[in-house]
Amino acid sequence: EYAKATVNRLMSWGFLLGVALGSIQILLLPAIRKATPIQEVRDAATAPALIASALQIINGLVFIGEGVMIGTGSFLQLSLSTVVATAGCLWALRFFPPRVGLSGVW
């Protein structure tokens, strides 16, 4: 019971920190003007930056979840999920970029 409450609290923190990090990333989006003077590059980088900002929420939760899995000794499940995620990522990198461009990388 206590362990479950602790995990729930940690997942809440992961969610909140993911939202905070994603929000900061969105707020800093205008700083892209400092990175390049080329308008086409700025335009091309905007959509992936917004997608990455939204993914920070998921990253916060996954970070906590992986820590919990390590703490409980669930190494087989963790390694299998890593293999599946890697295979999905490699497939997505082949499938999406030719169809949607740079945003397909994210």
N, C-alpha and C. Protein backbone atom coordinates (compact mmCIF):
# COMPACT_ATOMS: atom_id res chain seq x y z
N GLU A 1 0.84 -1.20 0.00
CA GLU A 1 0.00 0.00 0.00
C GLU A 1 0.87 1.25 0.00
N TYR A 2 1.89 1.28 0.89
CA TYR A 2 2.76 2.44 0.98
C TYR A 2 3.58 2.61 -0.30
N ALA A 3 4.04 1.48 -0.86
CA ALA A 3 4.84 1.54 -2.09
C ALA A 3 4.00 2.07 -3.25
N LYS A 4 2.75 1.64 -3.33
CA LYS A 4 1.88 2.10 -4.40
C LYS A 4 1.62 3.60 -4.29
N ALA A 5 1.42 4.07 -3.08
CA ALA A 5 1.21 5.51 -2.87
C ALA A 5 2.46 6.30 -3.25
N THR A 6 3.63 5.74 -2.95
CA THR A 6 4.88 6.40 -3.31
C THR A 6 5.05 6.48 -4.82
N VAL A 7 4.76 5.38 -5.51
CA VAL A 7 4.85 5.37 -6.97
C VAL A 7 3.86 6.36 -7.57
N ASN A 8 2.66 6.40 -7.05
CA ASN A 8 1.67 7.37 -7.55
C ASN A 8 2.15 8.80 -7.37
N ARG A 9 2.74 9.07 -6.21
CA ARG A 9 3.26 10.42 -5.96
C ARG A 9 4.41 10.74 -6.91
N LEU A 10 5.30 9.78 -7.13
CA LEU A 10 6.42 9.99 -8.04
C LEU A 10 5.93 10.20 -9.48
N MET A 11 4.92 9.43 -9.89
CA MET A 11 4.37 9.60 -11.24
C MET A 11 3.75 10.98 -11.38
N SER A 12 3.11 11.46 -10.32
CA SER A 12 2.55 12.82 -10.36
C SER A 12 3.66 13.85 -10.53
N TRP A 13 4.75 13.66 -9.81
CA TRP A 13 5.89 14.56 -9.95
C TRP A 13 6.47 14.48 -11.36
N GLY A 14 6.57 13.27 -11.90
CA GLY A 14 7.08 13.11 -13.27
C GLY A 14 6.20 13.83 -14.28
N PHE A 15 4.89 13.72 -14.09
CA PHE A 15 3.96 14.41 -14.99
C PHE A 15 4.11 15.92 -14.87
N LEU A 16 4.13 16.42 -13.64
CA LEU A 16 4.24 17.87 -13.43
C LEU A 16 5.55 18.43 -13.95
N LEU A 17 6.63 17.72 -13.70
CA LEU A 17 7.93 18.19 -14.20
C LEU A 17 8.02 18.09 -15.72
N GLY A 18 7.39 17.08 -16.30
CA GLY A 18 7.33 16.99 -17.76
C GLY A 18 6.56 18.14 -18.36
N VAL A 19 5.44 18.49 -17.74
CA VAL A 19 4.64 19.64 -18.19
C VAL A 19 5.47 20.92 -18.05
N ALA A 20 6.17 21.06 -16.92
CA ALA A 20 6.98 22.27 -16.70
C ALA A 20 8.10 22.38 -17.73
N LEU A 21 8.79 21.27 -17.97
CA LEU A 21 9.89 21.30 -18.94
C LEU A 21 9.38 21.57 -20.35
N GLY A 22 8.27 20.94 -20.72
CA GLY A 22 7.67 21.19 -22.03
C GLY A 22 7.23 22.63 -22.18
N SER A 23 6.68 23.20 -21.12
CA SER A 23 6.24 24.60 -21.15
C SER A 23 7.43 25.54 -21.31
N ILE A 24 8.51 25.26 -20.60
CA ILE A 24 9.71 26.09 -20.74
C ILE A 24 10.24 26.00 -22.16
N GLN A 25 10.20 24.80 -22.71
CA GLN A 25 10.68 24.61 -24.07
C GLN A 25 9.84 25.42 -25.06
N ILE A 26 8.54 25.45 -24.86
CA ILE A 26 7.66 26.24 -25.73
C ILE A 26 7.94 27.73 -25.54
N LEU A 27 8.11 28.15 -24.29
CA LEU A 27 8.39 29.56 -24.03
C LEU A 27 9.71 30.01 -24.65
N LEU A 28 10.66 29.11 -24.76
CA LEU A 28 11.96 29.44 -25.35
C LEU A 28 11.99 29.31 -26.87
N LEU A 29 10.88 28.92 -27.45
CA LEU A 29 10.84 28.75 -28.91
C LEU A 29 11.24 30.01 -29.67
N PRO A 30 10.86 31.20 -29.23
CA PRO A 30 11.32 32.40 -29.95
C PRO A 30 12.84 32.55 -29.98
N ALA A 31 13.55 31.88 -29.11
CA ALA A 31 15.01 31.96 -29.10
C ALA A 31 15.62 31.30 -30.32
N ILE A 32 14.81 30.60 -31.10
CA ILE A 32 15.32 29.96 -32.31
C ILE A 32 15.85 31.01 -33.29
N ARG A 33 15.35 32.23 -33.14
CA ARG A 33 15.84 33.32 -34.00
C ARG A 33 17.32 33.59 -33.75
N LYS A 34 17.80 33.28 -32.56
CA LYS A 34 19.21 33.48 -32.23
C LYS A 34 20.08 32.37 -32.84
N ALA A 35 19.47 31.22 -33.11
CA ALA A 35 20.23 30.07 -33.60
C ALA A 35 20.56 30.18 -35.09
N THR A 36 19.67 30.80 -35.85
CA THR A 36 19.90 30.90 -37.29
C THR A 36 19.18 32.12 -37.86
N PRO A 37 19.81 32.77 -38.82
CA PRO A 37 19.14 33.90 -39.47
C PRO A 37 18.25 33.46 -40.65
N ILE A 38 18.30 32.17 -40.98
CA ILE A 38 17.58 31.67 -42.16
C ILE A 38 16.14 31.35 -41.78
N GLN A 39 15.20 32.05 -42.39
CA GLN A 39 13.79 31.89 -42.05
C GLN A 39 13.28 30.48 -42.34
N GLU A 40 13.74 29.87 -43.40
CA GLU A 40 13.28 28.51 -43.75
C GLU A 40 13.68 27.50 -42.67
N VAL A 41 14.86 27.68 -42.11
CA VAL A 41 15.30 26.78 -41.03
C VAL A 41 14.45 27.00 -39.79
N ARG A 42 14.16 28.26 -39.49
CA ARG A 42 13.30 28.56 -38.34
C ARG A 42 11.93 27.92 -38.50
N ASP A 43 11.36 28.06 -39.69
CA ASP A 43 10.04 27.49 -39.96
C ASP A 43 10.07 25.97 -39.87
N ALA A 44 11.13 25.37 -40.41
CA ALA A 44 11.24 23.91 -40.40
C ALA A 44 11.43 23.37 -38.99
N ALA A 45 12.04 24.15 -38.10
CA ALA A 45 12.32 23.67 -36.74
C ALA A 45 11.16 23.89 -35.78
N THR A 46 10.19 24.70 -36.16
CA THR A 46 9.10 25.03 -35.23
C THR A 46 8.24 23.82 -34.89
N ALA A 47 7.75 23.11 -35.89
CA ALA A 47 6.87 21.96 -35.62
C ALA A 47 7.57 20.87 -34.80
N PRO A 48 8.81 20.46 -35.17
CA PRO A 48 9.48 19.46 -34.33
C PRO A 48 9.71 19.94 -32.90
N ALA A 49 9.97 21.22 -32.72
CA ALA A 49 10.18 21.74 -31.37
C ALA A 49 8.88 21.66 -30.55
N LEU A 50 7.75 21.94 -31.19
CA LEU A 50 6.46 21.83 -30.49
C LEU A 50 6.14 20.38 -30.15
N ILE A 51 6.43 19.49 -31.08
CA ILE A 51 6.19 18.06 -30.83
C ILE A 51 7.08 17.58 -29.67
N ALA A 52 8.35 17.98 -29.69
CA ALA A 52 9.27 17.59 -28.62
C ALA A 52 8.81 18.14 -27.27
N SER A 53 8.25 19.33 -27.29
CA SER A 53 7.74 19.92 -26.04
C SER A 53 6.60 19.07 -25.46
N ALA A 54 5.70 18.63 -26.33
CA ALA A 54 4.59 17.80 -25.87
C ALA A 54 5.09 16.44 -25.37
N LEU A 55 6.13 15.93 -26.00
CA LEU A 55 6.67 14.63 -25.59
C LEU A 55 7.37 14.67 -24.24
N GLN A 56 7.69 15.85 -23.74
CA GLN A 56 8.33 15.96 -22.42
C GLN A 56 7.42 15.40 -21.33
N ILE A 57 6.11 15.52 -21.53
CA ILE A 57 5.16 14.97 -20.54
C ILE A 57 5.33 13.46 -20.46
N ILE A 58 5.38 12.81 -21.62
CA ILE A 58 5.56 11.36 -21.65
C ILE A 58 6.93 11.00 -21.09
N ASN A 59 7.95 11.78 -21.45
CA ASN A 59 9.30 11.50 -20.95
C ASN A 59 9.36 11.53 -19.43
N GLY A 60 8.67 12.49 -18.82
CA GLY A 60 8.65 12.57 -17.36
C GLY A 60 8.06 11.32 -16.73
N LEU A 61 6.98 10.82 -17.31
CA LEU A 61 6.34 9.61 -16.78
C LEU A 61 7.20 8.37 -17.01
N VAL A 62 7.79 8.27 -18.20
CA VAL A 62 8.61 7.10 -18.52
C VAL A 62 9.86 7.06 -17.64
N PHE A 63 10.44 8.20 -17.39
CA PHE A 63 11.62 8.27 -16.53
C PHE A 63 11.32 7.68 -15.16
N ILE A 64 10.20 8.08 -14.60
CA ILE A 64 9.79 7.55 -13.28
C ILE A 64 9.48 6.06 -13.39
N GLY A 65 8.74 5.68 -14.42
CA GLY A 65 8.37 4.28 -14.60
C GLY A 65 9.57 3.36 -14.72
N GLU A 66 10.57 3.79 -15.47
CA GLU A 66 11.78 2.97 -15.60
C GLU A 66 12.51 2.86 -14.27
N GLY A 67 12.53 3.94 -13.52
CA GLY A 67 13.16 3.88 -12.19
C GLY A 67 12.43 2.92 -11.27
N VAL A 68 11.12 2.90 -11.33
CA VAL A 68 10.33 1.97 -10.52
C VAL A 68 10.62 0.54 -10.95
N MET A 69 10.70 0.32 -12.27
CA MET A 69 10.99 -1.04 -12.75
C MET A 69 12.38 -1.51 -12.31
N ILE A 70 13.34 -0.62 -12.34
CA ILE A 70 14.68 -0.99 -11.85
C ILE A 70 14.62 -1.28 -10.35
N GLY A 71 13.90 -0.45 -9.61
CA GLY A 71 13.79 -0.63 -8.17
C GLY A 71 13.11 -1.93 -7.77
N THR A 72 12.17 -2.39 -8.59
CA THR A 72 11.47 -3.64 -8.28
C THR A 72 12.15 -4.85 -8.90
N GLY A 73 13.24 -4.62 -9.62
CA GLY A 73 13.97 -5.74 -10.21
C GLY A 73 13.29 -6.31 -11.43
N SER A 74 12.49 -5.54 -12.11
CA SER A 74 11.76 -6.02 -13.30
C SER A 74 12.62 -5.84 -14.55
N PHE A 75 13.79 -6.43 -14.54
CA PHE A 75 14.75 -6.20 -15.61
C PHE A 75 14.33 -6.86 -16.93
N LEU A 76 13.69 -8.01 -16.87
CA LEU A 76 13.26 -8.66 -18.11
C LEU A 76 12.21 -7.82 -18.81
N GLN A 77 11.20 -7.36 -18.10
CA GLN A 77 10.17 -6.52 -18.70
C GLN A 77 10.77 -5.22 -19.22
N LEU A 78 11.70 -4.65 -18.48
CA LEU A 78 12.34 -3.41 -18.89
C LEU A 78 13.15 -3.61 -20.16
N SER A 79 13.88 -4.70 -20.23
CA SER A 79 14.69 -4.94 -21.43
C SER A 79 13.80 -5.25 -22.63
N LEU A 80 12.72 -5.99 -22.41
CA LEU A 80 11.81 -6.29 -23.53
C LEU A 80 11.12 -5.02 -24.03
N SER A 81 10.72 -4.16 -23.12
CA SER A 81 10.08 -2.92 -23.55
C SER A 81 11.08 -2.02 -24.28
N THR A 82 12.34 -2.07 -23.89
CA THR A 82 13.37 -1.30 -24.58
C THR A 82 13.59 -1.83 -25.99
N VAL A 83 13.59 -3.14 -26.15
CA VAL A 83 13.75 -3.73 -27.48
C VAL A 83 12.56 -3.36 -28.37
N VAL A 84 11.35 -3.45 -27.85
CA VAL A 84 10.16 -3.10 -28.62
C VAL A 84 10.18 -1.61 -28.99
N ALA A 85 10.54 -0.76 -28.04
CA ALA A 85 10.59 0.68 -28.30
C ALA A 85 11.65 1.01 -29.34
N THR A 86 12.79 0.35 -29.28
CA THR A 86 13.85 0.58 -30.26
C THR A 86 13.41 0.15 -31.65
N ALA A 87 12.78 -1.01 -31.73
CA ALA A 87 12.28 -1.47 -33.03
C ALA A 87 11.23 -0.51 -33.58
N GLY A 88 10.34 -0.03 -32.73
CA GLY A 88 9.33 0.94 -33.17
C GLY A 88 9.95 2.24 -33.63
N CYS A 89 10.98 2.68 -32.92
CA CYS A 89 11.67 3.92 -33.28
C CYS A 89 12.37 3.77 -34.63
N LEU A 90 13.06 2.66 -34.84
CA LEU A 90 13.74 2.44 -36.12
C LEU A 90 12.74 2.37 -37.26
N TRP A 91 11.61 1.69 -37.04
CA TRP A 91 10.57 1.63 -38.07
C TRP A 91 10.03 3.03 -38.37
N ALA A 92 9.75 3.80 -37.32
CA ALA A 92 9.20 5.15 -37.50
C ALA A 92 10.18 6.05 -38.24
N LEU A 93 11.48 5.89 -37.98
CA LEU A 93 12.47 6.71 -38.68
C LEU A 93 12.55 6.37 -40.17
N ARG A 94 12.18 5.17 -40.53
CA ARG A 94 12.15 4.81 -41.95
C ARG A 94 10.83 5.21 -42.60
N PHE A 95 9.75 5.17 -41.84
CA PHE A 95 8.41 5.37 -42.40
C PHE A 95 8.01 6.84 -42.48
N PHE A 96 8.16 7.59 -41.40
CA PHE A 96 7.59 8.93 -41.33
C PHE A 96 8.36 10.05 -42.03
N PRO A 97 9.68 10.16 -41.91
CA PRO A 97 10.36 11.29 -42.56
C PRO A 97 10.11 11.43 -44.05
N PRO A 98 10.08 10.35 -44.83
CA PRO A 98 9.79 10.56 -46.25
C PRO A 98 8.37 11.09 -46.51
N ARG A 99 7.47 10.84 -45.58
CA ARG A 99 6.07 11.24 -45.77
C ARG A 99 5.75 12.63 -45.22
N VAL A 100 6.34 12.97 -44.06
CA VAL A 100 6.01 14.24 -43.41
C VAL A 100 7.21 15.13 -43.17
N GLY A 101 8.38 14.75 -43.65
CA GLY A 101 9.55 15.60 -43.54
C GLY A 101 10.19 15.56 -42.16
N LEU A 102 10.78 16.67 -41.78
CA LEU A 102 11.53 16.76 -40.53
C LEU A 102 10.68 16.42 -39.31
N SER A 103 9.40 16.77 -39.33
CA SER A 103 8.52 16.47 -38.20
C SER A 103 8.39 14.97 -37.99
N GLY A 104 8.62 14.18 -39.03
CA GLY A 104 8.54 12.73 -38.90
C GLY A 104 9.62 12.12 -38.04
N VAL A 105 10.70 12.86 -37.82
CA VAL A 105 11.77 12.37 -36.95
C VAL A 105 11.29 12.34 -35.51
N TRP A 106 10.44 13.29 -35.16
CA TRP A 106 9.96 13.37 -33.79
C TRP A 106 8.77 12.50 -33.60
